[in-house]
Amino acid sequence: MLALTTLQQAGLTCIRFGLPILAPFWRNALRLSLGQVGLLLGAFDLGALLFFIPMGLLADRWGEPAVLTAGALFTAVMTALITRAQSFWSVALLLAVAGLGYGSGQTAGTKAVAAAFGPGGRGTAMGIRQAGLPLGGVIAALLLPPLAGAFGWRTALAGAAAVCALTGILCWLGLRDTAHGRRPGEATGRGNGREGRLAGQGTIVDRVRAILRNTGVLRTTEASMLLVIAQFCYQGYLALYLVDRFGWSNHAAAVLLVAVHLGGVLGRLAWGALSDRRYGGRRVPALVWCVGAGTAFPVGLIVLPHVAHPSTVTGAALIGGILLLGWNGLYSTLITESAAPGQGATAMGVSMTLMYTATMLTPPLFGFLVDRTSYAVGWASLVGVMAWALVLTYRIPEPAAHDPA
């Protein structure tokens, strides 16, 4: 379950994180401004935002395997159709539709892992599963630039779609025998277990309202809405920053994102393990350390000299990945541990819907800000965003120990 949910998330993010990797190629081929590039990045997130809650409800009722499989295959097919699009707006529309399946990994995958591991190892396990997101970025950064350089961005995007489809097929083959749960108490809404009874209580609106009244879920979500702004601006515009300010080639700048996403993998593993081993299953102290260190990082991007050696830039990109991409595993663990039993996937869906409101709006706003000022102003704005997130992180209550299934 852990391996397949991690791979499924990597397949989805090979597409999502592949978009900024292809941004330099898109900008040239479609003659886009930075603001228009941001609109394309936000279009995918719009689709994801619209379907996070439905994906969570489906996972709580019908089980994780079906949602994991269907989500990956749907996103792969719709992404493949983008390769036939000819205009900016048709690409944007198809990206939004492709994003509808993206929430399957965050909702069903997070719930599956939270149910399978106890509090003593859940942070580490969730860090491994959440590492699937930057792992997909690593795959995209290694695979897509050579394809785009040799055959064009459409072929590269088709390659990302093929990776995503493969992970959906693997989930179908590996998880189809667990469609109705894996252990007592993990039954879906169709079963007779405790989860099925709890997940089926009340209307959808009632369940969403109950989740929004949960202090732990709400405060974790508030902090994550700011953290994700810094994350998506960093990974979305770093390649363009290297091209525009440092004169790097499109290919070299795109490949550097391997370091960013590798840092994300390392960060999610390290911060999750820290919460398990150093803090005995408490997530908030580890998150405070991550956010506190990340607050100062954008300053490094501003002062990085034009003549910086590529190894120095690579090291900085890796550190940025550890700090600005490394918090997600702790976030997912906090949401599932704070949620009422039987509502883990729905709580993730509600939280991700709110969080992706920020991811949908931020890339174009950041692009327009840089267009009208400078990259230095854009990176400086992230310092304020991270500082605000740090204040909110201190207010997150530590979840009471319970089985989040």
Protein backbone atom coordinates (compact mmCIF):
# COMPACT_ATOMS: atom_id res chain seq x y z
CA MET A 1 0.00 0.00 0.00
CA LEU A 2 2.76 2.46 0.93
CA ALA A 3 4.77 1.77 -2.22
CA LEU A 4 1.80 2.01 -4.58
CA THR A 5 0.30 5.14 -3.02
CA THR A 6 3.73 6.78 -3.23
CA LEU A 7 4.13 5.80 -6.88
CA GLN A 8 0.62 6.95 -7.76
CA GLN A 9 1.33 10.36 -6.24
CA ALA A 10 4.61 10.50 -8.16
CA GLY A 11 2.74 9.78 -11.40
CA LEU A 12 0.30 12.63 -10.79
CA THR A 13 3.02 15.08 -9.85
CA CYS A 14 5.14 14.10 -12.82
CA ILE A 15 2.44 16.05 -14.64
CA ARG A 16 1.82 18.79 -12.06
CA PHE A 17 5.48 19.51 -11.37
CA GLY A 18 6.30 18.88 -15.00
CA LEU A 19 4.34 22.02 -15.89
CA PRO A 20 6.86 24.51 -14.43
CA ILE A 21 9.69 22.39 -15.84
CA LEU A 22 8.16 22.89 -19.30
CA ALA A 23 7.40 26.57 -18.62
CA PRO A 24 10.50 27.91 -20.44
CA PHE A 25 9.60 25.82 -23.50
CA TRP A 26 5.94 26.90 -23.35
CA ARG A 27 6.86 30.53 -23.02
CA ASN A 28 8.90 30.42 -26.21
CA ALA A 29 6.54 28.24 -28.26
CA LEU A 30 3.32 30.03 -27.30
CA ARG A 31 4.91 33.49 -26.79
CA LEU A 32 3.63 33.90 -23.25
CA SER A 33 4.28 36.50 -20.56
CA LEU A 34 5.19 35.43 -17.04
CA GLY A 35 1.62 36.17 -15.99
CA GLN A 36 0.24 33.89 -18.71
CA VAL A 37 2.63 31.14 -17.65
CA GLY A 38 1.22 31.51 -14.15
CA LEU A 39 -2.32 31.21 -15.50
CA LEU A 40 -1.45 27.87 -17.10
CA LEU A 41 0.08 26.64 -13.84
CA GLY A 42 -3.02 27.81 -11.96
CA ALA A 43 -5.43 26.17 -14.42
CA PHE A 44 -4.42 22.67 -13.36
CA ASP A 45 -4.83 23.65 -9.72
CA LEU A 46 -8.31 25.00 -10.43
CA GLY A 47 -9.41 21.56 -11.59
CA ALA A 48 -7.80 19.94 -8.56
CA LEU A 49 -9.51 22.40 -6.23
CA LEU A 50 -12.96 21.62 -7.62
CA PHE A 51 -12.63 17.90 -6.97
CA PHE A 52 -10.68 17.51 -3.73
CA ILE A 53 -13.81 17.19 -1.59
CA PRO A 54 -15.58 14.77 -3.99
CA MET A 55 -12.42 12.66 -4.11
CA GLY A 56 -12.28 12.54 -0.32
CA LEU A 57 -15.94 11.59 -0.04
CA LEU A 58 -15.51 8.87 -2.65
CA ALA A 59 -12.46 7.48 -0.85
CA ASP A 60 -14.29 7.42 2.50
CA ARG A 61 -17.29 5.69 0.96
CA TRP A 62 -15.96 3.44 -1.82
CA GLY A 63 -12.39 2.81 -0.71
CA GLU A 64 -8.95 4.04 -1.62
CA PRO A 65 -8.00 1.58 -4.43
CA ALA A 66 -10.78 2.60 -6.82
CA VAL A 67 -10.11 6.32 -6.31
CA LEU A 68 -6.34 5.95 -6.69
CA THR A 69 -6.70 4.02 -9.94
CA ALA A 70 -9.41 6.16 -11.52
CA GLY A 71 -7.74 9.45 -10.56
CA ALA A 72 -4.39 8.59 -12.11
CA LEU A 73 -5.87 7.22 -15.34
CA PHE A 74 -8.25 10.16 -15.81
CA THR A 75 -5.51 12.76 -15.33
CA ALA A 76 -3.22 10.85 -17.69
CA VAL A 77 -5.80 10.67 -20.48
CA MET A 78 -6.77 14.33 -20.23
CA THR A 79 -3.13 15.40 -20.17
CA ALA A 80 -2.47 13.40 -23.33
CA LEU A 81 -5.27 15.35 -25.03
CA ILE A 82 -3.43 18.62 -24.32
CA THR A 83 -0.82 17.61 -26.87
CA ARG A 84 -3.49 18.23 -29.55
CA ALA A 85 -4.37 21.74 -28.33
CA GLN A 86 -3.31 24.68 -30.50
CA SER A 87 -4.09 27.81 -28.48
CA PHE A 88 -3.32 29.20 -25.04
CA TRP A 89 -6.94 28.97 -23.89
CA SER A 90 -7.47 25.42 -25.13
CA VAL A 91 -4.34 24.34 -23.25
CA ALA A 92 -5.61 26.12 -20.12
CA LEU A 93 -9.05 24.48 -20.36
CA LEU A 94 -7.67 20.97 -20.79
CA LEU A 95 -5.22 21.52 -17.93
CA ALA A 96 -8.14 22.42 -15.67
CA VAL A 97 -10.00 19.25 -16.68
CA ALA A 98 -6.86 17.13 -16.17
CA GLY A 99 -6.52 18.55 -12.68
CA LEU A 100 -9.84 16.99 -11.60
CA GLY A 101 -8.14 13.66 -10.93
CA TYR A 102 -5.16 15.09 -9.07
CA GLY A 103 -6.81 15.02 -5.64
CA SER A 104 -7.02 11.23 -5.65
CA GLY A 105 -3.47 10.86 -4.41
CA GLN A 106 -3.70 13.39 -1.59
CA THR A 107 -7.04 12.15 -0.27
CA ALA A 108 -7.19 8.39 -0.85
CA GLY A 109 -3.44 7.90 -0.60
CA THR A 110 -3.09 9.87 2.62
CA LYS A 111 -6.00 8.03 4.21
CA ALA A 112 -4.62 4.62 3.26
CA VAL A 113 -1.23 5.31 4.83
CA ALA A 114 -2.68 6.94 7.97
CA ALA A 115 -4.81 3.84 8.55
CA ALA A 116 -1.96 1.41 8.01
CA PHE A 117 0.56 2.87 10.49
CA GLY A 118 0.40 3.63 14.20
CA PRO A 119 1.35 6.98 15.77
CA GLY A 120 4.96 5.92 16.39
CA GLY A 121 5.71 5.40 12.71
CA ARG A 122 2.99 7.36 10.98
CA GLY A 123 5.06 10.53 10.51
CA THR A 124 7.84 8.61 8.78
CA ALA A 125 5.40 6.63 6.63
CA MET A 126 3.51 9.77 5.67
CA GLY A 127 6.81 11.43 4.83
CA ILE A 128 7.57 8.53 2.49
CA ARG A 129 4.16 8.77 0.82
CA GLN A 130 4.37 12.55 0.56
CA ALA A 131 7.84 12.15 -0.94
CA GLY A 132 5.96 10.84 -3.95
CA LEU A 133 5.15 14.44 -4.87
CA PRO A 134 8.75 15.68 -5.29
CA LEU A 135 9.72 12.22 -6.59
CA GLY A 136 7.37 12.92 -9.47
CA GLY A 137 9.17 16.24 -9.88
CA VAL A 138 12.53 14.47 -10.04
CA ILE A 139 11.21 12.10 -12.72
CA ALA A 140 9.79 15.03 -14.66
CA ALA A 141 13.01 17.05 -14.40
CA LEU A 142 15.05 14.11 -15.71
CA LEU A 143 12.60 13.00 -18.42
CA LEU A 144 10.91 16.09 -19.81
CA PRO A 145 13.72 18.53 -20.72
CA PRO A 146 15.47 16.07 -23.07
CA LEU A 147 12.14 15.19 -24.69
CA ALA A 148 11.13 18.84 -25.02
CA GLY A 149 14.51 19.80 -26.42
CA ALA A 150 14.51 17.01 -29.01
CA PHE A 151 10.84 16.68 -29.92
CA GLY A 152 8.99 19.66 -28.44
CA TRP A 153 6.91 20.28 -25.33
CA ARG A 154 3.94 18.28 -26.62
CA THR A 155 5.96 15.07 -26.77
CA ALA A 156 7.39 15.79 -23.34
CA LEU A 157 3.90 16.26 -21.89
CA ALA A 158 2.81 12.98 -23.50
CA GLY A 159 5.72 11.32 -21.70
CA ALA A 160 4.49 12.67 -18.36
CA ALA A 161 0.99 11.38 -19.14
CA ALA A 162 2.41 7.92 -19.87
CA VAL A 163 4.18 7.84 -16.49
CA CYS A 164 0.95 8.80 -14.73
CA ALA A 165 -1.07 6.17 -16.60
CA LEU A 166 1.46 3.49 -15.66
CA THR A 167 1.06 4.24 -11.95
CA GLY A 168 -2.72 4.04 -12.30
CA ILE A 169 -2.40 0.62 -13.91
CA LEU A 170 -0.07 -0.51 -11.12
CA CYS A 171 -2.64 0.57 -8.51
CA TRP A 172 -5.35 -1.37 -10.33
CA LEU A 173 -3.18 -4.48 -10.45
CA GLY A 174 -1.82 -4.22 -6.92
CA LEU A 175 -4.78 -2.87 -4.93
CA ARG A 176 -7.87 -4.29 -6.64
CA ASP A 177 -8.16 -7.08 -4.05
CA THR A 178 -8.32 -4.53 -1.21
CA ALA A 179 -11.25 -2.51 -2.55
CA HIS A 180 -13.31 -2.99 0.59
CA GLY A 181 -10.61 -2.36 3.16
CA ARG A 182 -7.57 -4.14 4.52
CA ARG A 183 -8.35 -4.79 8.15
CA PRO A 184 -11.24 -4.66 10.63
CA GLY A 185 -12.36 -1.12 11.30
CA GLU A 186 -11.22 0.06 7.89
CA ALA A 187 -14.39 -0.83 6.03
CA THR A 188 -15.72 1.69 3.55
CA GLY A 189 -19.16 3.23 3.49
CA ARG A 190 -20.48 0.08 1.85
CA GLY A 191 -19.16 -2.13 4.63
CA ASN A 192 -20.19 -2.79 8.20
CA GLY A 193 -17.16 -1.32 9.99
CA ARG A 194 -16.97 1.69 12.22
CA GLU A 195 -15.59 3.85 9.44
CA GLY A 196 -18.49 3.04 7.19
CA ARG A 197 -20.98 4.14 9.84
CA LEU A 198 -19.09 7.33 10.65
CA ALA A 199 -18.36 8.33 7.07
CA GLY A 200 -21.98 7.89 6.11
CA GLN A 201 -23.46 10.03 8.89
CA GLY A 202 -25.13 13.30 7.86
CA THR A 203 -25.24 15.08 4.57
CA ILE A 204 -22.14 16.19 2.70
CA VAL A 205 -22.68 19.74 3.92
CA ASP A 206 -22.95 18.53 7.53
CA ARG A 207 -19.70 16.61 7.25
CA VAL A 208 -17.85 19.53 5.68
CA ARG A 209 -19.15 21.90 8.36
CA ALA A 210 -18.05 19.52 11.10
CA ILE A 211 -14.58 19.36 9.58
CA LEU A 212 -14.35 23.15 9.34
CA ARG A 213 -15.26 23.39 13.05
CA ASN A 214 -12.33 21.11 13.90
CA THR A 215 -9.70 23.45 15.35
CA GLY A 216 -6.77 21.22 14.48
CA VAL A 217 -7.81 20.81 10.84
CA LEU A 218 -8.64 24.49 10.46
CA ARG A 219 -5.42 25.88 11.95
CA THR A 220 -3.25 23.40 10.08
CA THR A 221 -5.00 24.40 6.87
CA GLU A 222 -4.55 28.12 7.56
CA ALA A 223 -0.79 27.67 7.92
CA SER A 224 -0.57 25.39 4.89
CA MET A 225 -2.34 27.93 2.68
CA LEU A 226 0.61 30.27 3.25
CA LEU A 227 3.29 27.58 3.07
CA VAL A 228 2.00 26.38 -0.28
CA ILE A 229 2.26 29.92 -1.69
CA ALA A 230 6.01 29.93 -1.09
CA GLN A 231 6.34 26.34 -2.32
CA PHE A 232 4.57 26.85 -5.62
CA CYS A 233 6.17 30.21 -6.38
CA TYR A 234 9.60 28.74 -5.70
CA GLN A 235 9.24 25.60 -7.79
CA GLY A 236 7.12 27.35 -10.42
CA TYR A 237 9.46 30.25 -11.18
CA LEU A 238 12.97 29.11 -10.23
CA ALA A 239 13.71 27.81 -13.74
CA LEU A 240 12.52 31.06 -15.32
CA TYR A 241 14.55 33.01 -12.74
CA LEU A 242 17.71 31.17 -13.79
CA VAL A 243 17.00 31.84 -17.46
CA ASP A 244 16.15 35.53 -17.02
CA ARG A 245 18.69 36.59 -14.35
CA PHE A 246 21.56 34.15 -14.77
CA GLY A 247 21.34 33.50 -18.51
CA TRP A 248 20.97 29.74 -18.17
CA SER A 249 19.60 27.74 -21.07
CA ASN A 250 16.03 26.44 -20.90
CA HIS A 251 17.32 22.89 -20.68
CA ALA A 252 19.85 23.56 -17.89
CA ALA A 253 17.34 25.54 -15.84
CA ALA A 254 14.71 22.81 -16.16
CA VAL A 255 17.15 20.05 -15.20
CA LEU A 256 18.17 21.99 -12.08
CA LEU A 257 14.68 21.37 -10.71
CA VAL A 258 15.90 17.83 -10.05
CA ALA A 259 17.75 19.32 -7.07
CA VAL A 260 14.63 21.14 -5.88
CA HIS A 261 12.48 18.03 -5.91
CA LEU A 262 15.22 15.82 -4.52
CA GLY A 263 15.38 18.26 -1.63
CA GLY A 264 11.64 17.87 -1.27
CA VAL A 265 12.02 14.08 -1.02
CA LEU A 266 14.75 14.37 1.59
CA GLY A 267 12.86 17.01 3.55
CA ARG A 268 9.63 15.04 3.77
CA LEU A 269 11.48 11.96 4.95
CA ALA A 270 13.62 13.87 7.44
CA TRP A 271 10.91 16.06 8.99
CA GLY A 272 8.54 13.09 9.34
CA ALA A 273 11.24 10.96 10.98
CA LEU A 274 12.12 13.86 13.29
CA SER A 275 8.53 14.09 14.48
CA ASP A 276 8.46 10.33 15.21
CA ARG A 277 11.87 9.83 16.79
CA ARG A 278 12.83 13.15 18.36
CA TYR A 279 9.38 14.37 19.38
CA GLY A 280 7.62 11.07 20.05
CA GLY A 281 4.85 11.46 17.46
CA ARG A 282 4.31 15.19 17.99
CA ARG A 283 4.21 16.97 14.62
CA VAL A 284 4.02 20.66 15.51
CA PRO A 285 7.58 21.10 16.89
CA ALA A 286 9.09 19.57 13.74
CA LEU A 287 6.87 21.77 11.57
CA VAL A 288 7.98 24.88 13.49
CA TRP A 289 11.62 24.08 12.78
CA CYS A 290 10.89 23.53 9.07
CA VAL A 291 8.89 26.73 8.63
CA GLY A 292 11.28 28.81 10.74
CA ALA A 293 14.29 27.83 8.63
CA GLY A 294 12.30 28.26 5.44
CA THR A 295 11.39 31.84 6.33
CA ALA A 296 14.95 33.03 5.71
CA PHE A 297 15.56 31.03 2.54
CA PRO A 298 14.11 33.46 -0.08
CA VAL A 299 16.72 36.01 1.01
CA GLY A 300 19.34 33.63 -0.32
CA LEU A 301 17.74 33.70 -3.75
CA ILE A 302 17.90 37.50 -3.79
CA VAL A 303 21.58 37.76 -2.82
CA LEU A 304 22.77 34.88 -5.01
CA PRO A 305 25.36 36.52 -7.29
CA HIS A 306 25.11 36.47 -11.07
CA VAL A 307 28.46 34.70 -11.28
CA ALA A 308 27.51 31.94 -8.81
CA HIS A 309 28.94 28.58 -9.81
CA PRO A 310 26.34 26.03 -10.96
CA SER A 311 27.25 23.81 -7.99
CA THR A 312 26.41 26.67 -5.62
CA VAL A 313 23.07 27.24 -7.33
CA THR A 314 22.37 23.50 -7.20
CA GLY A 315 23.12 23.39 -3.49
CA ALA A 316 20.84 26.35 -2.86
CA ALA A 317 18.08 24.70 -4.89
CA LEU A 318 18.44 21.50 -2.83
CA ILE A 319 18.21 23.41 0.47
CA GLY A 320 15.15 25.25 -0.82
CA GLY A 321 13.52 21.93 -1.60
CA ILE A 322 14.20 20.61 1.91
CA LEU A 323 12.70 23.71 3.52
CA LEU A 324 9.96 24.92 1.18
CA LEU A 325 8.80 21.51 -0.07
CA GLY A 326 9.55 19.42 3.01
CA TRP A 327 6.60 20.33 5.24
CA ASN A 328 3.84 18.48 3.36
CA GLY A 329 4.23 15.14 5.10
CA LEU A 330 3.77 16.76 8.51
CA TYR A 331 0.77 18.67 7.17
CA SER A 332 -0.94 15.51 5.91
CA THR A 333 -0.26 13.69 9.16
CA LEU A 334 -1.67 16.56 11.21
CA ILE A 335 -4.85 16.69 9.12
CA THR A 336 -5.55 12.96 9.33
CA GLU A 337 -4.69 12.75 13.02
CA SER A 338 -6.86 15.79 13.82
CA ALA A 339 -9.86 14.54 11.84
CA ALA A 340 -12.64 12.47 13.40
CA PRO A 341 -12.34 8.70 12.82
CA GLY A 342 -13.76 7.72 9.44
CA GLN A 343 -13.36 11.20 7.94
CA GLY A 344 -9.65 11.30 7.18
CA ALA A 345 -9.98 11.45 3.40
CA THR A 346 -12.85 13.94 3.49
CA ALA A 347 -10.89 16.16 5.89
CA MET A 348 -7.95 16.06 3.49
CA GLY A 349 -10.29 16.95 0.64
CA VAL A 350 -11.69 19.97 2.51
CA SER A 351 -8.25 21.14 3.57
CA MET A 352 -6.73 20.67 0.11
CA THR A 353 -9.63 22.58 -1.46
CA LEU A 354 -8.86 25.58 0.71
CA MET A 355 -5.13 25.20 0.20
CA TYR A 356 -5.38 24.94 -3.56
CA THR A 357 -7.33 28.17 -3.67
CA ALA A 358 -3.98 29.72 -2.82
CA THR A 359 -2.06 27.62 -5.36
CA MET A 360 -4.50 28.52 -8.12
CA LEU A 361 -4.29 32.27 -7.52
CA THR A 362 -0.66 32.65 -6.51
CA PRO A 363 1.34 31.70 -9.64
CA PRO A 364 -0.29 34.28 -11.93
CA LEU A 365 -0.16 36.96 -9.21
CA PHE A 366 3.52 36.25 -8.57
CA GLY A 367 4.19 36.37 -12.30
CA PHE A 368 2.41 39.68 -12.73
CA LEU A 369 4.26 41.08 -9.68
CA VAL A 370 7.65 40.12 -11.13
CA ASP A 371 6.63 41.46 -14.57
CA ARG A 372 5.93 44.88 -13.03
CA THR A 373 8.75 44.99 -10.47
CA SER A 374 11.56 42.42 -10.24
CA TYR A 375 12.34 38.92 -9.07
CA ALA A 376 13.88 40.42 -5.92
CA VAL A 377 10.53 41.93 -4.96
CA GLY A 378 8.80 38.64 -5.68
CA TRP A 379 11.19 36.59 -3.53
CA ALA A 380 11.08 39.20 -0.75
CA SER A 381 7.30 38.89 -0.61
CA LEU A 382 7.73 35.20 0.22
CA VAL A 383 9.69 36.08 3.36
CA GLY A 384 6.60 37.84 4.70
CA VAL A 385 4.38 34.94 3.68
CA MET A 386 6.59 32.41 5.48
CA ALA A 387 6.85 34.59 8.60
CA TRP A 388 3.06 34.76 8.77
CA ALA A 389 2.89 30.98 8.35
CA LEU A 390 5.36 30.55 11.21
CA VAL A 391 3.10 32.55 13.54
CA LEU A 392 0.11 30.39 12.56
CA THR A 393 2.11 27.18 12.98
CA TYR A 394 2.63 27.94 16.68
CA ARG A 395 -1.17 28.00 17.07
CA ILE A 396 -1.77 24.48 15.73
CA PRO A 397 -2.93 22.14 18.53
CA GLU A 398 -1.20 18.80 18.77
CA PRO A 399 -3.75 16.07 17.81
CA ALA A 400 -5.01 13.66 20.43
CA ALA A 401 -3.84 10.11 19.79
CA HIS A 402 -6.45 8.04 17.96
CA ASP A 403 -6.78 5.74 14.96
CA PRO A 404 -7.43 8.12 12.04
CA ALA A 405 -8.85 5.43 9.75
